[in-house]
Amino acid sequence: MGIKSKSKKVVELQRQREVMGVEEAPTYYSNSVEIATSLWDIRIRFGELKEASREHLIVKNLATVYLSPAHAKAVSVLLAEKIKDYELTFGAIPTAPISPDTAEK
């Protein structure tokens, strides 16, 4: 994987990248993410929240992606940089409570 990063901790590889199958790959909007780890991989499950109450959530599972820990760490560095760039351009992103139980009362 060629990784471009401003971070000095991530090696920058310069390669021409050809992406195949773009037309066939599904595109999803996700507003629900579940992350689980094991010794060998990290699982990210993307879903769409369909209904929510204080006692119950209905989430439609859209896609599950498995990454090696090294790949997940590289993705997290790149994602953090993109969020930082976004906030420098558009302002701070407000954060929502993780669950209804953590919401301010």
N, C-alpha and C. Protein backbone atom coordinates (compact mmCIF):
# COMPACT_ATOMS: atom_id res chain seq x y z
N MET A 1 0.84 -1.17 0.00
CA MET A 1 0.00 0.00 0.00
C MET A 1 0.88 1.22 0.00
N GLY A 2 0.68 2.13 -0.91
CA GLY A 2 1.40 3.38 -0.92
C GLY A 2 0.75 4.33 0.06
N ILE A 3 1.48 4.83 1.01
CA ILE A 3 0.93 5.71 2.03
C ILE A 3 1.54 7.08 1.87
N LYS A 4 0.68 8.08 1.71
CA LYS A 4 1.14 9.45 1.68
C LYS A 4 0.71 10.09 2.98
N SER A 5 1.64 10.67 3.68
CA SER A 5 1.34 11.25 4.97
C SER A 5 2.30 12.40 5.23
N LYS A 6 1.80 13.41 5.94
CA LYS A 6 2.66 14.51 6.36
C LYS A 6 3.48 14.10 7.58
N SER A 7 3.04 13.06 8.26
CA SER A 7 3.70 12.60 9.47
C SER A 7 5.08 12.02 9.14
N LYS A 8 6.04 12.31 9.99
CA LYS A 8 7.38 11.76 9.80
C LYS A 8 7.44 10.29 10.20
N LYS A 9 6.42 9.82 10.93
CA LYS A 9 6.42 8.45 11.41
C LYS A 9 5.98 7.46 10.33
N VAL A 10 5.32 7.93 9.29
CA VAL A 10 4.82 7.05 8.25
C VAL A 10 5.68 7.25 7.00
N VAL A 11 6.12 6.15 6.43
CA VAL A 11 6.97 6.20 5.25
C VAL A 11 6.14 6.62 4.05
N GLU A 12 6.65 7.55 3.27
CA GLU A 12 5.95 8.01 2.07
C GLU A 12 6.49 7.28 0.85
N LEU A 13 5.59 6.61 0.16
CA LEU A 13 5.96 5.90 -1.06
C LEU A 13 5.36 6.64 -2.24
N GLN A 14 6.14 6.87 -3.27
CA GLN A 14 5.66 7.54 -4.47
C GLN A 14 5.52 6.50 -5.57
N ARG A 15 4.28 6.14 -5.86
CA ARG A 15 3.99 5.19 -6.92
C ARG A 15 2.76 5.67 -7.67
N GLN A 16 2.73 5.33 -8.95
CA GLN A 16 1.51 5.58 -9.69
C GLN A 16 0.49 4.55 -9.25
N ARG A 17 -0.71 5.00 -8.96
CA ARG A 17 -1.73 4.11 -8.42
C ARG A 17 -2.86 3.96 -9.43
N GLU A 18 -3.16 2.74 -9.78
CA GLU A 18 -4.28 2.43 -10.66
C GLU A 18 -5.31 1.69 -9.84
N VAL A 19 -6.52 2.22 -9.80
CA VAL A 19 -7.59 1.62 -9.02
C VAL A 19 -8.57 0.97 -9.99
N MET A 20 -8.80 -0.32 -9.78
CA MET A 20 -9.69 -1.07 -10.65
C MET A 20 -11.00 -1.37 -9.93
N GLY A 21 -12.07 -1.54 -10.68
CA GLY A 21 -13.34 -1.94 -10.11
C GLY A 21 -14.10 -0.84 -9.40
N VAL A 22 -13.76 0.41 -9.66
CA VAL A 22 -14.42 1.52 -8.96
C VAL A 22 -15.92 1.52 -9.26
N GLU A 23 -16.28 1.26 -10.50
CA GLU A 23 -17.69 1.28 -10.89
C GLU A 23 -18.49 0.19 -10.18
N GLU A 24 -17.87 -0.96 -9.91
CA GLU A 24 -18.57 -2.07 -9.29
C GLU A 24 -18.62 -1.98 -7.77
N ALA A 25 -17.73 -1.21 -7.19
CA ALA A 25 -17.65 -1.14 -5.73
C ALA A 25 -18.83 -0.33 -5.18
N PRO A 26 -19.53 -0.88 -4.20
CA PRO A 26 -20.67 -0.14 -3.64
C PRO A 26 -20.20 1.05 -2.81
N THR A 27 -21.04 2.05 -2.73
CA THR A 27 -20.78 3.23 -1.92
C THR A 27 -21.86 3.30 -0.85
N TYR A 28 -21.44 3.54 0.40
CA TYR A 28 -22.38 3.58 1.51
C TYR A 28 -22.21 4.86 2.29
N TYR A 29 -23.31 5.31 2.91
CA TYR A 29 -23.25 6.33 3.94
C TYR A 29 -23.38 5.59 5.26
N SER A 30 -22.50 5.87 6.20
CA SER A 30 -22.54 5.20 7.48
C SER A 30 -22.57 6.23 8.60
N ASN A 31 -23.50 6.03 9.54
CA ASN A 31 -23.53 6.88 10.73
C ASN A 31 -23.44 6.02 12.00
N SER A 32 -23.00 4.78 11.80
CA SER A 32 -22.80 3.86 12.92
C SER A 32 -21.56 3.02 12.63
N VAL A 33 -20.64 3.01 13.57
CA VAL A 33 -19.40 2.25 13.39
C VAL A 33 -19.15 1.44 14.66
N GLU A 34 -18.80 0.18 14.46
CA GLU A 34 -18.45 -0.71 15.57
C GLU A 34 -17.05 -1.25 15.28
N ILE A 35 -16.17 -1.17 16.26
CA ILE A 35 -14.79 -1.63 16.07
C ILE A 35 -14.48 -2.71 17.10
N ALA A 36 -13.92 -3.82 16.62
CA ALA A 36 -13.52 -4.92 17.50
C ALA A 36 -12.10 -5.33 17.14
N THR A 37 -11.38 -5.83 18.12
CA THR A 37 -9.99 -6.23 17.88
C THR A 37 -9.76 -7.67 18.34
N SER A 38 -8.78 -8.28 17.71
CA SER A 38 -8.27 -9.58 18.15
C SER A 38 -6.76 -9.50 18.03
N LEU A 39 -6.10 -10.56 18.36
CA LEU A 39 -4.65 -10.59 18.25
C LEU A 39 -4.20 -10.39 16.81
N TRP A 40 -4.99 -10.85 15.85
CA TRP A 40 -4.56 -10.88 14.46
C TRP A 40 -5.12 -9.77 13.59
N ASP A 41 -6.28 -9.19 13.97
CA ASP A 41 -6.86 -8.19 13.08
C ASP A 41 -7.77 -7.23 13.84
N ILE A 42 -8.19 -6.21 13.11
CA ILE A 42 -9.14 -5.23 13.63
C ILE A 42 -10.33 -5.24 12.68
N ARG A 43 -11.53 -5.39 13.24
CA ARG A 43 -12.74 -5.43 12.45
C ARG A 43 -13.48 -4.11 12.61
N ILE A 44 -13.83 -3.50 11.48
CA ILE A 44 -14.64 -2.28 11.49
C ILE A 44 -15.95 -2.60 10.78
N ARG A 45 -17.04 -2.50 11.51
CA ARG A 45 -18.36 -2.76 10.94
C ARG A 45 -19.07 -1.42 10.75
N PHE A 46 -19.44 -1.14 9.51
CA PHE A 46 -20.13 0.10 9.17
C PHE A 46 -21.62 -0.18 9.04
N GLY A 47 -22.43 0.69 9.59
CA GLY A 47 -23.87 0.51 9.52
C GLY A 47 -24.58 1.84 9.39
N GLU A 48 -25.88 1.73 9.23
CA GLU A 48 -26.72 2.93 9.17
C GLU A 48 -27.76 2.82 10.27
N LEU A 49 -27.76 3.81 11.12
CA LEU A 49 -28.71 3.86 12.22
C LEU A 49 -30.09 4.16 11.65
N LYS A 50 -31.02 3.24 11.84
CA LYS A 50 -32.37 3.39 11.29
C LYS A 50 -33.35 3.95 12.31
N GLU A 51 -33.16 3.57 13.57
CA GLU A 51 -34.07 4.01 14.61
C GLU A 51 -33.34 3.99 15.94
N ALA A 52 -33.61 4.99 16.77
CA ALA A 52 -32.92 5.04 18.06
C ALA A 52 -33.86 5.56 19.14
N SER A 53 -33.80 4.90 20.27
CA SER A 53 -34.47 5.39 21.47
C SER A 53 -33.48 5.19 22.61
N ARG A 54 -33.86 5.58 23.79
CA ARG A 54 -32.95 5.41 24.93
C ARG A 54 -32.67 3.95 25.22
N GLU A 55 -33.61 3.08 24.92
CA GLU A 55 -33.48 1.66 25.25
C GLU A 55 -33.10 0.78 24.07
N HIS A 56 -33.23 1.28 22.85
CA HIS A 56 -33.13 0.39 21.70
C HIS A 56 -32.54 1.11 20.48
N LEU A 57 -31.66 0.41 19.77
CA LEU A 57 -31.12 0.91 18.50
C LEU A 57 -31.40 -0.11 17.41
N ILE A 58 -31.76 0.38 16.25
CA ILE A 58 -31.88 -0.48 15.08
C ILE A 58 -30.85 0.00 14.07
N VAL A 59 -29.87 -0.86 13.77
CA VAL A 59 -28.79 -0.52 12.86
C VAL A 59 -28.77 -1.53 11.72
N LYS A 60 -28.75 -1.02 10.50
CA LYS A 60 -28.61 -1.89 9.33
C LYS A 60 -27.13 -2.06 9.03
N ASN A 61 -26.64 -3.30 9.09
CA ASN A 61 -25.24 -3.57 8.79
C ASN A 61 -25.01 -3.39 7.29
N LEU A 62 -24.01 -2.58 6.93
CA LEU A 62 -23.74 -2.30 5.52
C LEU A 62 -22.49 -3.01 5.01
N ALA A 63 -21.42 -2.97 5.80
CA ALA A 63 -20.16 -3.57 5.37
C ALA A 63 -19.28 -3.83 6.58
N THR A 64 -18.48 -4.88 6.49
CA THR A 64 -17.50 -5.19 7.52
C THR A 64 -16.14 -5.27 6.85
N VAL A 65 -15.17 -4.55 7.42
CA VAL A 65 -13.82 -4.51 6.86
C VAL A 65 -12.85 -5.02 7.92
N TYR A 66 -12.01 -5.96 7.53
CA TYR A 66 -10.97 -6.48 8.42
C TYR A 66 -9.62 -5.91 7.97
N LEU A 67 -8.84 -5.41 8.94
CA LEU A 67 -7.52 -4.86 8.67
C LEU A 67 -6.50 -5.48 9.61
N SER A 68 -5.27 -5.60 9.14
CA SER A 68 -4.21 -5.98 10.05
C SER A 68 -3.99 -4.81 11.01
N PRO A 69 -3.47 -5.06 12.21
CA PRO A 69 -3.21 -3.96 13.13
C PRO A 69 -2.30 -2.88 12.52
N ALA A 70 -1.30 -3.30 11.75
CA ALA A 70 -0.39 -2.32 11.13
C ALA A 70 -1.13 -1.46 10.11
N HIS A 71 -1.97 -2.07 9.31
CA HIS A 71 -2.73 -1.32 8.31
C HIS A 71 -3.73 -0.39 9.00
N ALA A 72 -4.40 -0.87 10.03
CA ALA A 72 -5.36 -0.04 10.76
C ALA A 72 -4.66 1.17 11.38
N LYS A 73 -3.46 0.98 11.89
CA LYS A 73 -2.73 2.10 12.48
C LYS A 73 -2.36 3.12 11.42
N ALA A 74 -1.94 2.66 10.24
CA ALA A 74 -1.61 3.57 9.14
C ALA A 74 -2.85 4.34 8.70
N VAL A 75 -3.99 3.66 8.63
CA VAL A 75 -5.24 4.32 8.26
C VAL A 75 -5.61 5.37 9.31
N SER A 76 -5.41 5.06 10.59
CA SER A 76 -5.76 6.01 11.65
C SER A 76 -4.91 7.28 11.56
N VAL A 77 -3.64 7.14 11.19
CA VAL A 77 -2.77 8.31 11.02
C VAL A 77 -3.28 9.18 9.88
N LEU A 78 -3.60 8.55 8.76
CA LEU A 78 -4.10 9.29 7.60
C LEU A 78 -5.44 9.94 7.90
N LEU A 79 -6.33 9.23 8.58
CA LEU A 79 -7.64 9.79 8.93
C LEU A 79 -7.49 10.98 9.86
N ALA A 80 -6.61 10.89 10.84
CA ALA A 80 -6.37 12.01 11.77
C ALA A 80 -5.87 13.24 11.01
N GLU A 81 -4.98 13.03 10.04
CA GLU A 81 -4.49 14.15 9.24
C GLU A 81 -5.60 14.78 8.41
N LYS A 82 -6.46 13.97 7.81
CA LYS A 82 -7.57 14.49 7.01
C LYS A 82 -8.55 15.28 7.87
N ILE A 83 -8.81 14.80 9.09
CA ILE A 83 -9.71 15.52 9.99
C ILE A 83 -9.08 16.85 10.41
N LYS A 84 -7.79 16.84 10.69
CA LYS A 84 -7.10 18.08 11.05
C LYS A 84 -7.17 19.08 9.90
N ASP A 85 -6.90 18.63 8.67
CA ASP A 85 -6.99 19.51 7.50
C ASP A 85 -8.40 20.06 7.33
N TYR A 86 -9.40 19.21 7.52
CA TYR A 86 -10.80 19.63 7.40
C TYR A 86 -11.10 20.73 8.41
N GLU A 87 -10.68 20.52 9.67
CA GLU A 87 -10.97 21.50 10.72
C GLU A 87 -10.22 22.80 10.50
N LEU A 88 -9.03 22.74 9.94
CA LEU A 88 -8.31 23.98 9.62
C LEU A 88 -9.04 24.77 8.53
N THR A 89 -9.69 24.07 7.63
CA THR A 89 -10.40 24.72 6.54
C THR A 89 -11.80 25.19 6.94
N PHE A 90 -12.55 24.33 7.65
CA PHE A 90 -13.96 24.59 7.90
C PHE A 90 -14.31 24.86 9.36
N GLY A 91 -13.36 24.70 10.28
CA GLY A 91 -13.64 24.89 11.69
C GLY A 91 -13.80 23.57 12.42
N ALA A 92 -13.84 23.66 13.73
CA ALA A 92 -13.91 22.45 14.57
C ALA A 92 -15.17 21.65 14.30
N ILE A 93 -15.01 20.35 14.30
CA ILE A 93 -16.14 19.43 14.13
C ILE A 93 -16.72 19.17 15.51
N PRO A 94 -18.00 19.48 15.71
CA PRO A 94 -18.59 19.18 17.03
C PRO A 94 -18.73 17.67 17.19
N THR A 95 -18.54 17.21 18.41
CA THR A 95 -18.66 15.78 18.66
C THR A 95 -19.95 15.51 19.42
N ALA A 96 -20.57 14.40 19.07
CA ALA A 96 -21.80 13.97 19.73
C ALA A 96 -21.45 12.94 20.80
N PRO A 97 -22.33 12.76 21.76
CA PRO A 97 -22.08 11.72 22.75
C PRO A 97 -22.02 10.35 22.08
N ILE A 98 -21.21 9.46 22.62
CA ILE A 98 -21.05 8.13 22.06
C ILE A 98 -22.32 7.31 22.23
N SER A 99 -23.01 7.48 23.34
CA SER A 99 -24.26 6.74 23.57
C SER A 99 -25.22 7.66 24.30
N PRO A 100 -26.51 7.34 24.28
CA PRO A 100 -27.47 8.19 25.00
C PRO A 100 -27.16 8.33 26.48
N ASP A 101 -26.49 7.32 27.06
CA ASP A 101 -26.18 7.36 28.49
C ASP A 101 -25.12 8.40 28.82
N THR A 102 -24.29 8.80 27.83
CA THR A 102 -23.24 9.78 28.08
C THR A 102 -23.69 11.19 27.75
N ALA A 103 -24.91 11.34 27.26
CA ALA A 103 -25.42 12.68 26.91
C ALA A 103 -25.60 13.51 28.17
N GLU A 104 -25.39 14.82 28.00
CA GLU A 104 -25.60 15.72 29.13
C GLU A 104 -27.08 15.77 29.47
N LYS A 105 -27.38 15.79 30.75
CA LYS A 105 -28.79 15.81 31.18
C LYS A 105 -29.16 17.19 31.66
